[in-house]
C-alpha atoms as a PDB file:
ATOM      1  CA  MET A   1     -60.394  30.526  -5.694  1.00  0.00           C
ATOM      2  CA  SER A   2     -63.436  28.473  -7.143  1.00  0.00           C
ATOM      3  CA  GLU A   3     -65.675  31.238  -6.797  1.00  0.00           C
ATOM      4  CA  LEU A   4     -63.227  33.564  -8.637  1.00  0.00           C
ATOM      5  CA  SER A   5     -62.919  31.154 -11.646  1.00  0.00           C
ATOM      6  CA  VAL A   6     -66.456  30.818 -11.928  1.00  0.00           C
ATOM      7  CA  ARG A   7     -68.845  33.296 -13.782  1.00  0.00           C
ATOM      8  CA  PRO A   8     -72.183  34.049 -12.148  1.00  0.00           C
ATOM      9  CA  PRO A   9     -75.032  34.255 -15.004  1.00  0.00           C
ATOM     10  CA  ASP A  10     -76.487  37.536 -14.016  1.00  0.00           C
ATOM     11  CA  GLU A  11     -72.934  39.387 -13.581  1.00  0.00           C
ATOM     12  CA  THR A  12     -72.573  43.042 -14.354  1.00  0.00           C
ATOM     13  CA  PRO A  13     -69.823  44.391 -16.493  1.00  0.00           C
ATOM     14  CA  GLU A  14     -68.438  46.053 -13.003  1.00  0.00           C
ATOM     15  CA  GLN A  15     -68.773  43.119 -10.915  1.00  0.00           C
ATOM     16  CA  ARG A  16     -66.847  40.913 -13.853  1.00  0.00           C
ATOM     17  CA  ARG A  17     -64.072  43.942 -14.010  1.00  0.00           C
ATOM     18  CA  GLN A  18     -63.951  43.191 -10.056  1.00  0.00           C
ATOM     19  CA  ARG A  19     -63.621  39.680 -10.439  1.00  0.00           C
ATOM     20  CA  LYS A  20     -61.005  39.304 -13.073  1.00  0.00           C
ATOM     21  CA  CYS A  21     -58.728  41.926 -10.982  1.00  0.00           C
ATOM     22  CA  GLU A  22     -59.117  39.705  -8.068  1.00  0.00           C
ATOM     23  CA  LEU A  23     -58.190  36.663 -10.159  1.00  0.00           C
ATOM     24  CA  LYS A  24     -55.380  38.672 -11.636  1.00  0.00           C
ATOM     25  CA  GLU A  25     -54.080  39.107  -8.327  1.00  0.00           C
ATOM     26  CA  TYR A  26     -54.799  35.624  -6.759  1.00  0.00           C
ATOM     27  CA  ARG A  27     -52.727  34.164  -9.814  1.00  0.00           C
ATOM     28  CA  LYS A  28     -50.047  36.959  -9.025  1.00  0.00           C
ATOM     29  CA  GLU A  29     -49.837  35.486  -5.576  1.00  0.00           C
ATOM     30  CA  ARG A  30     -49.799  32.035  -6.631  1.00  0.00           C
ATOM     31  CA  ARG A  31     -46.933  32.776  -9.172  1.00  0.00           C
ATOM     32  CA  LEU A  32     -44.862  34.246  -6.530  1.00  0.00           C
ATOM     33  CA  GLU A  33     -45.515  31.204  -3.947  1.00  0.00           C
ATOM     34  CA  LYS A  34     -44.989  28.826  -6.636  1.00  0.00           C
ATOM     35  CA  LYS A  35     -41.593  30.642  -7.589  1.00  0.00           C
ATOM     36  CA  ALA A  36     -40.492  30.509  -3.770  1.00  0.00           C
ATOM     37  CA  ASN A  37     -41.791  27.113  -3.278  1.00  0.00           C
ATOM     38  CA  LYS A  38     -39.844  26.039  -6.308  1.00  0.00           C
ATOM     39  CA  GLU A  39     -36.933  27.780  -5.047  1.00  0.00           C
ATOM     40  CA  ALA A  40     -36.994  26.439  -1.829  1.00  0.00           C
ATOM     41  CA  PHE A  41     -37.889  22.994  -3.228  1.00  0.00           C
ATOM     42  CA  LYS A  42     -34.682  23.175  -5.642  1.00  0.00           C
ATOM     43  CA  SER A  43     -32.210  24.358  -3.105  1.00  0.00           C
ATOM     44  CA  GLU A  44     -33.888  21.590  -0.214  1.00  0.00           C
ATOM     45  CA  ASN A  45     -33.024  19.158  -3.146  1.00  0.00           C
ATOM     46  CA  ILE A  46     -29.561  20.377  -3.950  1.00  0.00           C
ATOM     47  CA  ARG A  47     -28.555  19.922  -0.168  1.00  0.00           C
ATOM     48  CA  LEU A  48     -30.233  16.409   0.070  1.00  0.00           C
ATOM     49  CA  HIS A  49     -28.438  15.557  -2.969  1.00  0.00           C
ATOM     50  CA  LYS A  50     -24.742  16.657  -1.590  1.00  0.00           C
ATOM     51  CA  GLU A  51     -25.451  14.869   1.391  1.00  0.00           C
ATOM     52  CA  LEU A  52     -26.262  11.944  -0.625  1.00  0.00           C
ATOM     53  CA  VAL A  53     -23.077  12.219  -2.999  1.00  0.00           C
ATOM     54  CA  SER A  54     -21.087  12.756   0.598  1.00  0.00           C
ATOM     55  CA  ASP A  55     -22.744   9.547   2.311  1.00  0.00           C
ATOM     56  CA  GLU A  56     -21.721   7.518  -0.822  1.00  0.00           C
ATOM     57  CA  SER A  57     -18.260   8.876  -1.272  1.00  0.00           C
ATOM     58  CA  MET A  58     -17.271   8.714   2.104  1.00  0.00           C
ATOM     59  CA  ASP A  59     -18.680   4.815   2.239  1.00  0.00           C
ATOM     60  CA  GLY A  60     -16.455   4.108  -0.833  1.00  0.00           C
ATOM     61  CA  ASN A  61     -13.586   6.011   1.360  1.00  0.00           C
ATOM     62  CA  ARG A  62     -14.483   3.818   4.099  1.00  0.00           C
ATOM     63  CA  ASP A  63     -13.915   0.666   1.781  1.00  0.00           C
ATOM     64  CA  GLU A  64     -10.693   1.863   0.918  1.00  0.00           C
ATOM     65  CA  SER A  65      -9.631   2.818   4.149  1.00  0.00           C
ATOM     66  CA  GLU A  66     -10.334  -0.343   5.395  1.00  0.00           C
ATOM     67  CA  LYS A  67      -8.366  -2.026   2.705  1.00  0.00           C
ATOM     68  CA  CYS A  68      -5.433   0.057   3.679  1.00  0.00           C
ATOM     69  CA  ILE A  69      -5.489  -0.992   7.302  1.00  0.00           C
ATOM     70  CA  GLN A  70      -5.739  -4.380   6.254  1.00  0.00           C
ATOM     71  CA  LEU A  71      -2.561  -3.882   3.918  1.00  0.00           C
ATOM     72  CA  ALA A  72      -0.668  -2.243   7.289  1.00  0.00           C
ATOM     73  CA  LYS A  73      -1.804  -5.262   9.490  1.00  0.00           C
ATOM     74  CA  ILE A  74       0.162  -7.384   7.012  1.00  0.00           C
ATOM     75  CA  PHE A  75       3.297  -5.018   6.467  1.00  0.00           C
ATOM     76  CA  ALA A  76       3.400  -4.601  10.126  1.00  0.00           C
ATOM     77  CA  ALA A  77       3.160  -8.602  10.718  1.00  0.00           C
ATOM     78  CA  ASN A  78       6.073  -8.949   8.058  1.00  0.00           C
ATOM     79  CA  SER A  79       8.187  -6.157  10.105  1.00  0.00           C
ATOM     80  CA  GLU A  80       7.463  -3.606   7.618  1.00  0.00           C
ATOM     81  CA  THR A  81       6.334  -0.934   9.786  1.00  0.00           C
ATOM     82  CA  GLN A  82       7.440   2.169   7.563  1.00  0.00           C
ATOM     83  CA  LYS A  83       5.048   0.869   4.627  1.00  0.00           C
ATOM     84  CA  ALA A  84       2.527  -0.211   7.625  1.00  0.00           C
ATOM     85  CA  ILE A  85       2.979   3.677   8.774  1.00  0.00           C
ATOM     86  CA  LYS A  86       2.025   4.788   5.002  1.00  0.00           C
ATOM     87  CA  TYR A  87      -0.970   2.856   4.765  1.00  0.00           C
ATOM     88  CA  LEU A  88      -2.604   3.584   7.924  1.00  0.00           C
ATOM     89  CA  ILE A  89      -1.689   7.768   7.479  1.00  0.00           C
ATOM     90  CA  LYS A  90      -3.406   7.305   3.680  1.00  0.00           C
ATOM     91  CA  ALA A  91      -6.101   5.189   5.466  1.00  0.00           C
ATOM     92  CA  GLN A  92      -6.933   7.927   8.154  1.00  0.00           C
ATOM     93  CA  ARG A  93      -6.972  10.493   4.823  1.00  0.00           C
ATOM     94  CA  LEU A  94      -9.505   8.323   3.316  1.00  0.00           C
ATOM     95  CA  TYR A  95     -11.910   7.834   6.454  1.00  0.00           C
ATOM     96  CA  PRO A  96     -10.353   8.732   9.833  1.00  0.00           C
ATOM     97  CA  SER A  97     -11.176   5.668  12.289  1.00  0.00           C
ATOM     98  CA  GLN A  98     -10.118   4.955  15.878  1.00  0.00           C
ATOM     99  CA  VAL A  99      -8.614   1.388  14.905  1.00  0.00           C
ATOM    100  CA  ALA A 100      -6.078   2.879  12.186  1.00  0.00           C
ATOM    101  CA  ASN A 101      -5.283   5.582  14.838  1.00  0.00           C
ATOM    102  CA  ASP A 102      -4.688   3.157  17.559  1.00  0.00           C
ATOM    103  CA  LEU A 103      -2.562   1.236  15.165  1.00  0.00           C
ATOM    104  CA  LEU A 104      -0.949   4.065  14.058  1.00  0.00           C
ATOM    105  CA  GLU A 105       0.237   5.218  17.406  1.00  0.00           C
ATOM    106  CA  LYS A 106       1.524   1.729  18.338  1.00  0.00           C
ATOM    107  CA  LEU A 107       3.648   1.448  14.882  1.00  0.00           C
ATOM    108  CA  GLN A 108       4.769   4.748  15.531  1.00  0.00           C
ATOM    109  CA  ASN A 109       6.203   4.006  18.880  1.00  0.00           C
ATOM    110  CA  GLU A 110       7.632   0.929  18.135  1.00  0.00           C
ATOM    111  CA  ASP A 111       9.407   2.386  15.203  1.00  0.00           C
ATOM    112  CA  SER A 112      10.961   5.274  17.239  1.00  0.00           C
ATOM    113  CA  GLY A 113      12.204   2.297  19.584  1.00  0.00           C
ATOM    114  CA  GLU A 114      13.653   0.613  17.041  1.00  0.00           C
ATOM    115  CA  ARG A 115      15.261   3.769  15.275  1.00  0.00           C
ATOM    116  CA  VAL A 116      17.106   4.508  18.927  1.00  0.00           C
ATOM    117  CA  ASP A 117      18.931   1.118  18.773  1.00  0.00           C
ATOM    118  CA  GLU A 118      19.872   1.898  15.069  1.00  0.00           C
ATOM    119  CA  THR A 119      21.459   4.933  16.020  1.00  0.00           C
ATOM    120  CA  ASP A 120      23.847   2.740  18.307  1.00  0.00           C
ATOM    121  CA  PRO A 121      27.408   3.021  17.092  1.00  0.00           C
ATOM    122  CA  GLN A 122      28.518   0.030  14.956  1.00  0.00           C
ATOM    123  CA  PRO A 123      31.591  -2.242  15.614  1.00  0.00           C
ATOM    124  CA  GLU A 124      34.870  -0.481  13.893  1.00  0.00           C
ATOM    125  CA  SER A 125      36.165  -2.758  10.855  1.00  0.00           C
ATOM    126  CA  THR A 126      39.743  -2.780  10.271  1.00  0.00           C
ATOM    127  CA  PRO A 127      40.513  -0.722   7.247  1.00  0.00           C
ATOM    128  CA  GLY A 128      40.347  -2.307   3.756  1.00  0.00           C
ATOM    129  CA  GLU A 129      38.096  -4.544   4.971  1.00  0.00           C
ATOM    130  CA  PRO A 130      34.425  -3.865   3.717  1.00  0.00           C
ATOM    131  CA  SER A 131      31.771  -4.241   5.702  1.00  0.00           C
ATOM    132  CA  GLY A 132      28.061  -4.137   5.699  1.00  0.00           C
ATOM    133  CA  PRO A 133      25.629  -6.615   3.719  1.00  0.00           C
ATOM    134  CA  ARG A 134      26.631  -5.678   0.165  1.00  0.00           C
ATOM    135  CA  SER A 135      30.233  -6.557   0.642  1.00  0.00           C
ATOM    136  CA  ARG A 136      31.402  -9.679  -1.403  1.00  0.00           C
ATOM    137  CA  SER A 137      34.073 -11.405  -0.843  1.00  0.00           C
ATOM    138  CA  ARG A 138      36.146 -12.109  -3.759  1.00  0.00           C
ATOM    139  CA  SER A 139      37.918 -15.242  -2.678  1.00  0.00           C
ATOM    140  CA  ASN A 140      34.478 -17.133  -2.657  1.00  0.00           C
ATOM    141  CA  SER A 141      33.527 -16.142  -6.151  1.00  0.00           C
ATOM    142  CA  PHE A 142      32.964 -18.777  -8.952  1.00  0.00           C
ATOM    143  CA  GLY A 143      32.696 -18.033 -12.837  1.00  0.00           C
ATOM    144  CA  ARG A 144      30.575 -19.265 -15.295  1.00  0.00           C
ATOM    145  CA  ASN A 145      31.302 -22.672 -15.308  1.00  0.00           C
ATOM    146  CA  GLY A 146      31.216 -23.288 -11.637  1.00  0.00           C
ATOM    147  CA  ASP A 147      35.036 -23.231 -11.123  1.00  0.00           C
ATOM    148  CA  LYS A 148      37.134 -20.678  -9.238  1.00  0.00           C
ATOM    149  CA  SER A 149      38.339 -17.651 -11.336  1.00  0.00           C
ATOM    150  CA  ASN A 150      41.026 -15.788  -9.990  1.00  0.00           C
ATOM    151  CA  LEU A 151      39.645 -12.050 -10.594  1.00  0.00           C
ATOM    152  CA  ASN A 152      43.116 -10.472  -9.984  1.00  0.00           C
ATOM    153  CA  SER A 153      44.686 -12.275 -12.707  1.00  0.00           C
ATOM    154  CA  ASN A 154      45.003 -10.446 -16.010  1.00  0.00           C
ATOM    155  CA  SER A 155      45.216 -13.766 -17.889  1.00  0.00           C
ATOM    156  CA  ASN A 156      42.276 -13.696 -20.176  1.00  0.00           C
ATOM    157  CA  ALA A 157      42.614 -15.859 -22.997  1.00  0.00           C
ATOM    158  CA  GLY A 158      42.304 -14.089 -26.425  1.00  0.00           C
ATOM    159  CA  TYR A 159      41.596 -10.812 -25.163  1.00  0.00           C
ATOM    160  CA  SER A 160      44.355  -8.229 -24.790  1.00  0.00           C
ATOM    161  CA  GLN A 161      44.412  -4.606 -23.173  1.00  0.00           C
ATOM    162  CA  PRO A 162      44.024  -1.532 -24.950  1.00  0.00           C
ATOM    163  CA  THR A 163      47.375   0.533 -25.045  1.00  0.00           C
END
């Protein structure tokens, strides 16, 4: 290149044209090479950027996954297996890990064992007698002032029933 760009002092017009053509051809090749390098650099830069962004997002997902695993452990310790399973599934979705997978399998096995026990028939209750945890005993109800009220009586002072 240096010999093409420097003009010799005793250059003839024919040599000058030849040198200019060679210089023109050289510059054309350099432009093409530069363009190809630029495109290659750009595509490589894009690829590296995507990897970097992917790694950063995966690190964020890893942190969130670990939080979900910790919550799941807390729920499992409190015998809330359904919530624990829900958080472990979320942890697996965010960032798959062997710890979450093992804990999830363990809880699902325990949960399926509990469900088999829940399907056992409950003792029959007599008709007219409510059963279950939500049933209330009306005989032990107390009024606002702490005195025992009779809920079946219609003796509400000052109130009349619409007819």
